Amino acid sequence: MPYITSLERMGIQQGIQQGIQQGEYVLLLRQLQHKFQQVPDLYLKKLEAADSDMLLSWGERVLGAKTLSDVFEASASNAV
């Protein structure tokens, strides 16, 4: 088994994290499209800029959301 440097290991971990985040993004986008049909550019840009934690939070909110703004706009009543 070849030796993997710590720099290579960090690169591998970063690649794995990026893959996970991309999967979270794709799943949330598909959920939003299924539930609300159209996802305006404003929300697409928010999705593209979001980190993994935010994508997961929005993914939980989409379950009870009645509107797209319910998913993306945090308030005391729907905060996760």
N, C-alpha and C. Protein backbone atom coordinates (compact mmCIF):
# COMPACT_ATOMS: atom_id res chain seq x y z
N MET A 1 0.84 -1.17 0.00
CA MET A 1 0.00 0.00 0.00
C MET A 1 0.90 1.25 0.00
N PRO A 2 0.69 2.15 -0.96
CA PRO A 2 1.55 3.33 -1.04
C PRO A 2 1.28 4.29 0.12
N TYR A 3 2.32 5.03 0.48
CA TYR A 3 2.23 6.01 1.55
C TYR A 3 1.46 7.23 1.06
N ILE A 4 0.54 7.71 1.89
CA ILE A 4 -0.24 8.90 1.56
C ILE A 4 0.20 10.00 2.53
N THR A 5 0.64 11.11 1.97
CA THR A 5 1.09 12.22 2.81
C THR A 5 -0.11 12.89 3.46
N SER A 6 0.16 13.67 4.49
CA SER A 6 -0.93 14.37 5.17
C SER A 6 -1.59 15.37 4.23
N LEU A 7 -0.82 15.96 3.32
CA LEU A 7 -1.39 16.89 2.34
C LEU A 7 -2.33 16.15 1.39
N GLU A 8 -1.92 14.98 0.95
CA GLU A 8 -2.79 14.17 0.08
C GLU A 8 -4.05 13.75 0.83
N ARG A 9 -3.89 13.37 2.08
CA ARG A 9 -5.03 12.96 2.90
C ARG A 9 -6.03 14.11 3.06
N MET A 10 -5.50 15.33 3.27
CA MET A 10 -6.38 16.51 3.38
C MET A 10 -7.12 16.74 2.06
N GLY A 11 -6.43 16.56 0.95
CA GLY A 11 -7.05 16.72 -0.36
C GLY A 11 -8.15 15.71 -0.59
N ILE A 12 -7.91 14.48 -0.17
CA ILE A 12 -8.92 13.43 -0.30
C ILE A 12 -10.14 13.77 0.55
N GLN A 13 -9.90 14.18 1.79
CA GLN A 13 -11.01 14.54 2.68
C GLN A 13 -11.81 15.71 2.11
N GLN A 14 -11.11 16.69 1.57
CA GLN A 14 -11.78 17.85 0.98
C GLN A 14 -12.63 17.41 -0.22
N GLY A 15 -12.11 16.52 -1.03
CA GLY A 15 -12.86 16.00 -2.19
C GLY A 15 -14.10 15.24 -1.76
N ILE A 16 -13.97 14.45 -0.70
CA ILE A 16 -15.12 13.71 -0.18
C ILE A 16 -16.17 14.68 0.33
N GLN A 17 -15.75 15.70 1.08
CA GLN A 17 -16.69 16.69 1.62
C GLN A 17 -17.40 17.43 0.50
N GLN A 18 -16.66 17.80 -0.54
CA GLN A 18 -17.28 18.49 -1.67
C GLN A 18 -18.31 17.59 -2.36
N GLY A 19 -18.02 16.31 -2.46
CA GLY A 19 -18.96 15.36 -3.06
C GLY A 19 -20.22 15.23 -2.23
N ILE A 20 -20.06 15.17 -0.93
CA ILE A 20 -21.22 15.10 -0.03
C ILE A 20 -22.07 16.35 -0.16
N GLN A 21 -21.42 17.51 -0.15
CA GLN A 21 -22.14 18.78 -0.26
C GLN A 21 -22.87 18.87 -1.60
N GLN A 22 -22.26 18.42 -2.67
CA GLN A 22 -22.90 18.43 -3.98
C GLN A 22 -24.14 17.54 -3.96
N GLY A 23 -24.05 16.39 -3.30
CA GLY A 23 -25.20 15.50 -3.18
C GLY A 23 -26.33 16.14 -2.39
N GLU A 24 -25.99 16.83 -1.32
CA GLU A 24 -27.00 17.54 -0.52
C GLU A 24 -27.68 18.61 -1.36
N TYR A 25 -26.89 19.34 -2.14
CA TYR A 25 -27.41 20.39 -3.02
C TYR A 25 -28.39 19.80 -4.04
N VAL A 26 -27.97 18.74 -4.70
CA VAL A 26 -28.81 18.12 -5.74
C VAL A 26 -30.11 17.59 -5.15
N LEU A 27 -30.03 16.91 -4.01
CA LEU A 27 -31.23 16.38 -3.39
C LEU A 27 -32.19 17.49 -2.98
N LEU A 28 -31.68 18.54 -2.35
CA LEU A 28 -32.54 19.65 -1.94
C LEU A 28 -33.16 20.33 -3.15
N LEU A 29 -32.39 20.55 -4.19
CA LEU A 29 -32.93 21.17 -5.39
C LEU A 29 -34.06 20.32 -5.98
N ARG A 30 -33.87 19.03 -6.04
CA ARG A 30 -34.92 18.14 -6.57
C ARG A 30 -36.16 18.16 -5.68
N GLN A 31 -35.98 18.21 -4.36
CA GLN A 31 -37.12 18.29 -3.45
C GLN A 31 -37.89 19.59 -3.68
N LEU A 32 -37.15 20.70 -3.80
CA LEU A 32 -37.79 21.99 -4.03
C LEU A 32 -38.53 22.02 -5.36
N GLN A 33 -37.92 21.48 -6.41
CA GLN A 33 -38.57 21.43 -7.71
C GLN A 33 -39.82 20.56 -7.67
N HIS A 34 -39.76 19.46 -6.96
CA HIS A 34 -40.91 18.57 -6.86
C HIS A 34 -42.06 19.24 -6.10
N LYS A 35 -41.73 19.91 -5.02
CA LYS A 35 -42.77 20.51 -4.17
C LYS A 35 -43.31 21.82 -4.73
N PHE A 36 -42.42 22.65 -5.29
CA PHE A 36 -42.83 24.00 -5.72
C PHE A 36 -42.73 24.21 -7.24
N GLN A 37 -42.38 23.21 -8.00
CA GLN A 37 -42.20 23.24 -9.45
C GLN A 37 -41.06 24.17 -9.87
N GLN A 38 -41.23 25.46 -9.78
CA GLN A 38 -40.21 26.42 -10.21
C GLN A 38 -39.41 26.91 -9.00
N VAL A 39 -38.10 27.00 -9.18
CA VAL A 39 -37.23 27.58 -8.16
C VAL A 39 -36.57 28.80 -8.78
N PRO A 40 -36.99 30.00 -8.37
CA PRO A 40 -36.44 31.23 -8.95
C PRO A 40 -34.93 31.36 -8.73
N ASP A 41 -34.30 32.15 -9.62
CA ASP A 41 -32.85 32.36 -9.56
C ASP A 41 -32.37 32.83 -8.19
N LEU A 42 -33.15 33.66 -7.52
CA LEU A 42 -32.78 34.14 -6.20
C LEU A 42 -32.47 32.97 -5.27
N TYR A 43 -33.33 31.97 -5.28
CA TYR A 43 -33.13 30.81 -4.40
C TYR A 43 -32.05 29.87 -4.93
N LEU A 44 -31.92 29.77 -6.24
CA LEU A 44 -30.85 28.95 -6.81
C LEU A 44 -29.48 29.50 -6.40
N LYS A 45 -29.34 30.81 -6.39
CA LYS A 45 -28.08 31.43 -5.97
C LYS A 45 -27.81 31.16 -4.49
N LYS A 46 -28.86 31.19 -3.67
CA LYS A 46 -28.68 30.87 -2.25
C LYS A 46 -28.22 29.43 -2.08
N LEU A 47 -28.82 28.53 -2.85
CA LEU A 47 -28.41 27.12 -2.78
C LEU A 47 -26.95 26.95 -3.17
N GLU A 48 -26.54 27.59 -4.25
CA GLU A 48 -25.17 27.47 -4.74
C GLU A 48 -24.15 28.01 -3.75
N ALA A 49 -24.52 29.03 -2.99
CA ALA A 49 -23.59 29.66 -2.05
C ALA A 49 -23.60 29.00 -0.66
N ALA A 50 -24.55 28.12 -0.41
CA ALA A 50 -24.74 27.56 0.93
C ALA A 50 -23.68 26.51 1.26
N ASP A 51 -23.36 26.44 2.55
CA ASP A 51 -22.49 25.38 3.03
C ASP A 51 -23.35 24.16 3.39
N SER A 52 -22.69 23.10 3.77
CA SER A 52 -23.37 21.83 4.05
C SER A 52 -24.39 21.95 5.17
N ASP A 53 -24.03 22.67 6.24
CA ASP A 53 -24.96 22.82 7.37
C ASP A 53 -26.24 23.54 6.95
N MET A 54 -26.09 24.58 6.13
CA MET A 54 -27.26 25.33 5.68
C MET A 54 -28.12 24.48 4.77
N LEU A 55 -27.51 23.71 3.87
CA LEU A 55 -28.27 22.83 2.99
C LEU A 55 -29.08 21.82 3.81
N LEU A 56 -28.47 21.28 4.84
CA LEU A 56 -29.18 20.32 5.69
C LEU A 56 -30.33 20.98 6.44
N SER A 57 -30.12 22.18 6.91
CA SER A 57 -31.16 22.92 7.61
C SER A 57 -32.35 23.19 6.68
N TRP A 58 -32.05 23.67 5.48
CA TRP A 58 -33.12 23.91 4.51
C TRP A 58 -33.81 22.61 4.13
N GLY A 59 -33.05 21.53 4.04
CA GLY A 59 -33.63 20.23 3.72
C GLY A 59 -34.65 19.79 4.76
N GLU A 60 -34.41 20.11 6.02
CA GLU A 60 -35.38 19.80 7.06
C GLU A 60 -36.59 20.72 6.97
N ARG A 61 -36.35 21.99 6.68
CA ARG A 61 -37.46 22.95 6.59
C ARG A 61 -38.41 22.65 5.44
N VAL A 62 -37.89 22.12 4.35
CA VAL A 62 -38.72 21.89 3.16
C VAL A 62 -39.88 20.93 3.48
N LEU A 63 -39.68 20.08 4.46
CA LEU A 63 -40.71 19.10 4.80
C LEU A 63 -42.02 19.75 5.24
N GLY A 64 -41.95 20.83 6.01
CA GLY A 64 -43.15 21.47 6.51
C GLY A 64 -43.47 22.79 5.83
N ALA A 65 -42.68 23.16 4.85
CA ALA A 65 -42.84 24.47 4.22
C ALA A 65 -44.06 24.51 3.30
N LYS A 66 -44.74 25.65 3.33
CA LYS A 66 -45.86 25.88 2.42
C LYS A 66 -45.41 26.73 1.24
N THR A 67 -44.35 27.50 1.42
CA THR A 67 -43.81 28.36 0.37
C THR A 67 -42.29 28.24 0.35
N LEU A 68 -41.70 28.70 -0.74
CA LEU A 68 -40.24 28.72 -0.82
C LEU A 68 -39.63 29.61 0.25
N SER A 69 -40.28 30.72 0.54
CA SER A 69 -39.72 31.61 1.57
C SER A 69 -39.73 30.94 2.94
N ASP A 70 -40.65 30.01 3.17
CA ASP A 70 -40.64 29.25 4.43
C ASP A 70 -39.36 28.44 4.57
N VAL A 71 -38.84 27.99 3.47
CA VAL A 71 -37.61 27.18 3.49
C VAL A 71 -36.40 28.06 3.76
N PHE A 72 -36.32 29.19 3.08
CA PHE A 72 -35.10 29.99 3.07
C PHE A 72 -35.05 31.10 4.10
N GLU A 73 -36.18 31.53 4.58
CA GLU A 73 -36.21 32.65 5.52
C GLU A 73 -36.42 32.12 6.93
N ALA A 74 -35.40 32.23 7.77
CA ALA A 74 -35.48 31.75 9.15
C ALA A 74 -36.35 32.69 9.97
N SER A 75 -37.17 32.11 10.81
CA SER A 75 -37.95 32.88 11.78
C SER A 75 -38.09 32.03 13.02
N ALA A 76 -38.60 32.62 14.05
CA ALA A 76 -38.74 31.89 15.32
C ALA A 76 -39.65 30.68 15.17
N SER A 77 -40.60 30.76 14.25
CA SER A 77 -41.56 29.67 14.14
C SER A 77 -41.05 28.50 13.31
N ASN A 78 -40.09 28.73 12.40
CA ASN A 78 -39.62 27.62 11.59
C ASN A 78 -38.13 27.38 11.66
N ALA A 79 -37.46 28.00 12.58
CA ALA A 79 -36.02 27.80 12.71
C ALA A 79 -35.72 26.37 13.13
N VAL A 80 -34.65 25.83 12.56
CA VAL A 80 -34.26 24.45 12.87
C VAL A 80 -33.14 24.46 13.86
